[in-house]
Amino acid sequence: MRCPDCDSDQIIKNGFNALDKQIYRCKACGRQFVLDPDKGPIPNETKDLIDRLLLERIALAGIARVVGVSESWLQRYVNKKYAEVPREVQVKRNYSGSLIVECDEMWSFVGKRSNKQWLWLALDRESRYIIGAVVGDRSEASAQGLWDSLPTDYRECGFFYTDFWAAYGAIFPPDAHEAVGKESGKTNHIERLNCTIRQRISRLVRKALSFSKIIDNHIGAIWYFIHHYNDSLNIDQDLASEIS
């Protein structure tokens, strides 16, 4: 008998599952498995469907029911996927124009409501790309994290509109930053994006049972959506270029 993951022969018995089948554990890599499982490996088509459903406002338990996989397998799959998501923007700029940026922050929590986490976002007004993001508290350190997440050309040449939260003024260059109220209309696009994100990422819905329990997965889910959002804009711009 060999481990299906690492091919090691260091296999020991490790109890029984709910169907009274013997569970084996690999001492080399820790993989647990049964012989002749009722269900085979999850097909790639199912994984592709899961990848798309993770971008919708559906809890993991709902996804498990829809696609017919166990919640434990799905959680392991999601953990691995979110751990591999890049934590920086990948923006393709195929346009010219002024670099006007709108910034805002939205509240969420991980584990319990007292563990507040704030998503700070920066949006290019012309292209609608998300060009920077960070998850943290509402301190100047998080504002610095948002600034550091921006591409170099935006930090050097961009002009930024934010709300009146003091952390922005402490970090953003005063000659390239203006704090404005909602009535000005100069942060309308980022505020509309906040609504879209709350509608698409179930972990950010304020009154829901699908909140995050692990901060790494919380951040991974947000970055997974950001890359999908920016990629969809790339596709739209490519189509527009072909038509013109």
Protein backbone atom coordinates (compact mmCIF):
# COMPACT_ATOMS: atom_id res chain seq x y z
CA MET A 1 0.00 0.00 0.00
CA ARG A 2 1.29 3.46 -0.95
CA CYS A 3 0.15 7.00 -0.31
CA PRO A 4 -1.85 8.43 -3.24
CA ASP A 5 -0.14 11.81 -2.74
CA CYS A 6 3.55 11.16 -2.09
CA ASP A 7 3.83 7.44 -2.93
CA SER A 8 5.31 6.67 0.48
CA ASP A 9 4.84 3.20 1.97
CA GLN A 10 4.82 4.55 5.56
CA ILE A 11 1.10 3.88 6.00
CA ILE A 12 -0.67 3.28 9.31
CA LYS A 13 -4.29 2.65 10.27
CA ASN A 14 -6.10 5.70 11.62
CA GLY A 15 -9.64 4.77 12.68
CA PHE A 16 -12.82 4.50 10.62
CA ASN A 17 -14.95 6.99 8.69
CA ALA A 18 -18.71 7.55 8.92
CA LEU A 19 -19.29 4.65 6.50
CA ASP A 20 -17.27 2.31 8.75
CA LYS A 21 -14.39 2.12 6.28
CA GLN A 22 -10.83 1.84 7.48
CA ILE A 23 -8.94 5.13 7.30
CA TYR A 24 -5.22 5.06 6.57
CA ARG A 25 -2.73 7.86 7.23
CA CYS A 26 0.58 8.50 5.55
CA LYS A 27 3.29 9.19 8.12
CA ALA A 28 5.39 10.97 5.50
CA CYS A 29 2.93 13.66 4.31
CA GLY A 30 -0.06 13.28 6.65
CA ARG A 31 -2.57 12.41 3.90
CA GLN A 32 -5.56 10.39 5.07
CA PHE A 33 -7.39 8.09 2.68
CA VAL A 34 -9.50 4.95 2.35
CA LEU A 35 -9.14 2.07 -0.07
CA ASP A 36 -11.78 1.84 -2.79
CA PRO A 37 -13.57 5.11 -1.89
CA ASP A 38 -17.21 5.49 -2.90
CA LYS A 39 -16.30 8.77 -4.64
CA GLY A 40 -13.30 9.18 -6.92
CA PRO A 41 -11.15 12.27 -7.46
CA ILE A 42 -13.05 15.53 -8.02
CA PRO A 43 -13.07 16.17 -11.82
CA ASN A 44 -11.59 19.38 -13.23
CA GLU A 45 -15.01 20.42 -14.56
CA THR A 46 -16.33 20.47 -10.99
CA LYS A 47 -13.32 22.47 -9.80
CA ASP A 48 -13.88 25.00 -12.59
CA LEU A 49 -17.51 25.37 -11.50
CA ILE A 50 -16.40 25.87 -7.89
CA ASP A 51 -13.94 28.55 -9.01
CA ARG A 52 -16.81 30.46 -10.64
CA LEU A 53 -19.16 29.99 -7.70
CA LEU A 54 -16.53 31.40 -5.33
CA LEU A 55 -17.02 34.71 -7.17
CA GLU A 56 -20.71 34.81 -6.31
CA ARG A 57 -22.59 35.56 -3.09
CA ILE A 58 -22.83 31.92 -2.02
CA ALA A 59 -21.60 30.42 1.24
CA LEU A 60 -19.22 27.46 1.11
CA ALA A 61 -21.91 25.17 2.52
CA GLY A 62 -24.18 26.19 -0.37
CA ILE A 63 -21.45 25.53 -2.94
CA ALA A 64 -20.84 22.09 -1.41
CA ARG A 65 -24.53 21.24 -1.75
CA VAL A 66 -24.76 22.51 -5.34
CA VAL A 67 -21.73 20.69 -6.73
CA GLY A 68 -22.03 17.59 -4.57
CA VAL A 69 -18.73 17.66 -2.67
CA SER A 70 -18.08 17.42 1.05
CA GLU A 71 -17.65 20.61 3.03
CA SER A 72 -14.35 19.35 4.44
CA TRP A 73 -12.91 18.74 0.95
CA LEU A 74 -14.20 22.10 -0.26
CA GLN A 75 -12.64 23.90 2.71
CA ARG A 76 -9.24 22.32 1.98
CA TYR A 77 -9.57 23.23 -1.69
CA VAL A 78 -10.47 26.84 -0.85
CA ASN A 79 -7.67 27.14 1.70
CA LYS A 80 -5.11 26.06 -0.90
CA LYS A 81 -6.59 28.25 -3.63
CA TYR A 82 -6.72 31.42 -1.56
CA ALA A 83 -3.19 30.84 -0.25
CA GLU A 84 -1.91 30.91 -3.84
CA VAL A 85 -3.73 34.10 -4.91
CA PRO A 86 -1.27 37.00 -5.57
CA ARG A 87 -1.62 39.87 -3.11
CA GLU A 88 -0.86 42.66 -5.57
CA VAL A 89 -2.64 44.25 -8.50
CA GLN A 90 -1.96 43.16 -12.06
CA VAL A 91 -3.23 46.07 -14.13
CA LYS A 92 -2.87 46.24 -17.91
CA ARG A 93 -2.93 49.90 -18.94
CA ASN A 94 -3.75 50.21 -22.64
CA TYR A 95 -5.12 53.74 -22.47
CA SER A 96 -3.81 57.25 -21.91
CA GLY A 97 -5.12 60.02 -19.72
CA SER A 98 -4.86 61.63 -16.32
CA LEU A 99 -4.42 59.37 -13.32
CA ILE A 100 -7.40 60.26 -11.14
CA VAL A 101 -7.83 57.85 -8.25
CA GLU A 102 -10.75 57.41 -5.87
CA CYS A 103 -10.11 55.74 -2.50
CA ASP A 104 -12.41 54.43 0.20
CA GLU A 105 -12.56 51.84 2.96
CA MET A 106 -15.30 49.41 3.99
CA TRP A 107 -15.90 47.55 7.22
CA SER A 108 -16.03 43.78 7.71
CA PHE A 109 -15.02 41.30 10.40
CA VAL A 110 -13.35 37.92 10.83
CA GLY A 111 -14.51 35.34 13.34
CA LYS A 112 -16.53 37.76 15.46
CA ARG A 113 -17.83 41.28 15.06
CA SER A 114 -15.35 42.68 17.54
CA ASN A 115 -12.50 41.60 15.25
CA LYS A 116 -13.04 44.37 12.74
CA GLN A 117 -11.20 44.30 9.41
CA TRP A 118 -11.24 47.20 6.96
CA LEU A 119 -10.82 46.78 3.22
CA TRP A 120 -9.05 49.82 1.75
CA LEU A 121 -9.43 50.21 -2.02
CA ALA A 122 -8.08 52.51 -4.72
CA LEU A 123 -9.89 52.78 -8.07
CA ASP A 124 -8.69 54.37 -11.32
CA ARG A 125 -11.58 56.65 -12.28
CA GLU A 126 -11.05 56.42 -16.05
CA SER A 127 -10.47 52.71 -16.51
CA ARG A 128 -12.35 51.48 -13.38
CA TYR A 129 -9.42 49.21 -12.52
CA ILE A 130 -8.81 48.41 -8.87
CA ILE A 131 -5.22 49.58 -8.59
CA GLY A 132 -4.56 49.05 -4.89
CA ALA A 133 -5.95 47.23 -1.89
CA VAL A 134 -5.09 46.31 1.66
CA VAL A 135 -6.96 44.69 4.56
CA GLY A 136 -6.28 45.99 8.06
CA ASP A 137 -7.54 48.39 10.69
CA ARG A 138 -8.33 52.10 10.16
CA SER A 139 -4.94 53.34 11.27
CA GLU A 140 -2.26 55.25 9.39
CA ALA A 141 -0.41 51.94 8.98
CA SER A 142 -3.24 50.62 6.80
CA ALA A 143 -3.35 53.88 4.82
CA GLN A 144 0.38 53.42 4.26
CA GLY A 145 -0.31 49.84 3.14
CA LEU A 146 -2.82 51.12 0.57
CA TRP A 147 -0.32 53.68 -0.68
CA ASP A 148 2.43 51.06 -0.94
CA SER A 149 0.10 48.74 -2.90
CA LEU A 150 -0.31 51.29 -5.71
CA PRO A 151 1.70 50.94 -8.95
CA THR A 152 4.66 53.30 -9.12
CA ASP A 153 3.22 55.57 -11.83
CA TYR A 154 0.13 56.25 -9.70
CA ARG A 155 2.20 57.13 -6.65
CA GLU A 156 4.29 59.51 -8.75
CA CYS A 157 1.64 61.08 -11.03
CA GLY A 158 -1.80 60.32 -9.61
CA PHE A 159 -4.27 62.63 -7.93
CA PHE A 160 -6.36 61.12 -5.14
CA TYR A 161 -9.88 61.81 -3.87
CA THR A 162 -10.80 60.33 -0.48
CA ASP A 163 -13.22 60.94 2.36
CA PHE A 164 -12.20 62.97 5.40
CA TRP A 165 -10.64 60.08 7.35
CA ALA A 166 -7.48 61.58 8.87
CA ALA A 167 -5.22 58.64 7.98
CA TYR A 168 -5.36 59.58 4.29
CA GLY A 169 -4.11 63.09 4.96
CA ALA A 170 -1.27 61.76 7.08
CA ILE A 171 0.06 59.46 4.34
CA PHE A 172 -0.98 60.80 0.93
CA PRO A 173 1.00 63.75 -0.50
CA PRO A 174 -0.93 66.98 0.24
CA ASP A 175 -0.39 68.37 -3.27
CA ALA A 176 -1.90 65.23 -4.83
CA HIS A 177 -4.78 64.60 -2.44
CA GLU A 178 -8.16 66.16 -1.74
CA ALA A 179 -10.64 65.05 0.91
CA VAL A 180 -14.24 65.41 -0.30
CA GLY A 181 -17.74 64.57 0.86
CA LYS A 182 -20.16 62.25 -0.87
CA GLU A 183 -22.18 65.20 -2.12
CA SER A 184 -19.23 66.24 -4.33
CA GLY A 185 -19.65 63.19 -6.57
CA LYS A 186 -15.87 62.76 -6.76
CA THR A 187 -15.93 59.36 -5.03
CA ASN A 188 -19.09 58.01 -6.66
CA HIS A 189 -17.29 55.26 -8.59
CA ILE A 190 -15.46 53.78 -5.59
CA GLU A 191 -18.65 53.89 -3.51
CA ARG A 192 -20.51 52.05 -6.27
CA LEU A 193 -17.70 49.50 -6.37
CA ASN A 194 -18.09 48.96 -2.62
CA CYS A 195 -21.72 48.02 -3.23
CA THR A 196 -20.72 45.62 -6.02
CA ILE A 197 -18.13 43.94 -3.81
CA ARG A 198 -20.60 43.44 -0.97
CA GLN A 199 -23.07 41.90 -3.43
CA ARG A 200 -20.46 39.52 -4.86
CA ILE A 201 -18.32 38.51 -1.87
CA SER A 202 -20.52 36.82 0.71
CA ARG A 203 -17.87 37.25 3.42
CA LEU A 204 -18.40 41.01 3.29
CA VAL A 205 -22.18 40.95 3.66
CA ARG A 206 -22.94 42.55 7.01
CA LYS A 207 -25.88 40.33 8.00
CA ALA A 208 -24.94 36.84 6.84
CA LEU A 209 -23.68 33.53 8.18
CA SER A 210 -20.92 33.22 5.57
CA PHE A 211 -18.43 35.49 7.31
CA SER A 212 -14.75 34.55 7.43
CA LYS A 213 -13.29 32.64 10.34
CA ILE A 214 -9.65 32.83 9.15
CA ILE A 215 -8.01 36.11 8.21
CA ASP A 216 -5.87 34.52 5.45
CA ASN A 217 -8.98 33.18 3.70
CA HIS A 218 -10.71 36.53 4.16
CA ILE A 219 -7.86 38.33 2.41
CA GLY A 220 -7.51 35.58 -0.21
CA ALA A 221 -11.20 35.77 -1.14
CA ILE A 222 -10.95 39.53 -1.59
CA TRP A 223 -7.86 39.34 -3.79
CA TYR A 224 -9.40 36.48 -5.79
CA PHE A 225 -12.33 38.76 -6.64
CA ILE A 226 -10.07 41.76 -7.38
CA HIS A 227 -8.09 39.81 -9.98
CA HIS A 228 -11.31 38.51 -11.56
CA TYR A 229 -12.77 42.03 -11.62
CA ASN A 230 -9.71 43.55 -13.29
CA ASP A 231 -9.44 40.65 -15.75
CA SER A 232 -13.07 41.20 -16.80
CA LEU A 233 -12.20 44.84 -17.56
CA ASN A 234 -9.24 43.65 -19.65
CA ILE A 235 -11.58 41.48 -21.71
CA ASP A 236 -14.06 44.34 -22.19
CA GLN A 237 -11.32 46.70 -23.35
CA ASP A 238 -9.86 44.11 -25.74
CA LEU A 239 -13.29 43.59 -27.29
CA ALA A 240 -13.80 47.35 -27.63
CA SER A 241 -10.42 47.66 -29.38
CA GLU A 242 -11.29 44.89 -31.83
CA ILE A 243 -14.66 46.51 -32.67
CA SER A 244 -13.11 49.94 -33.23
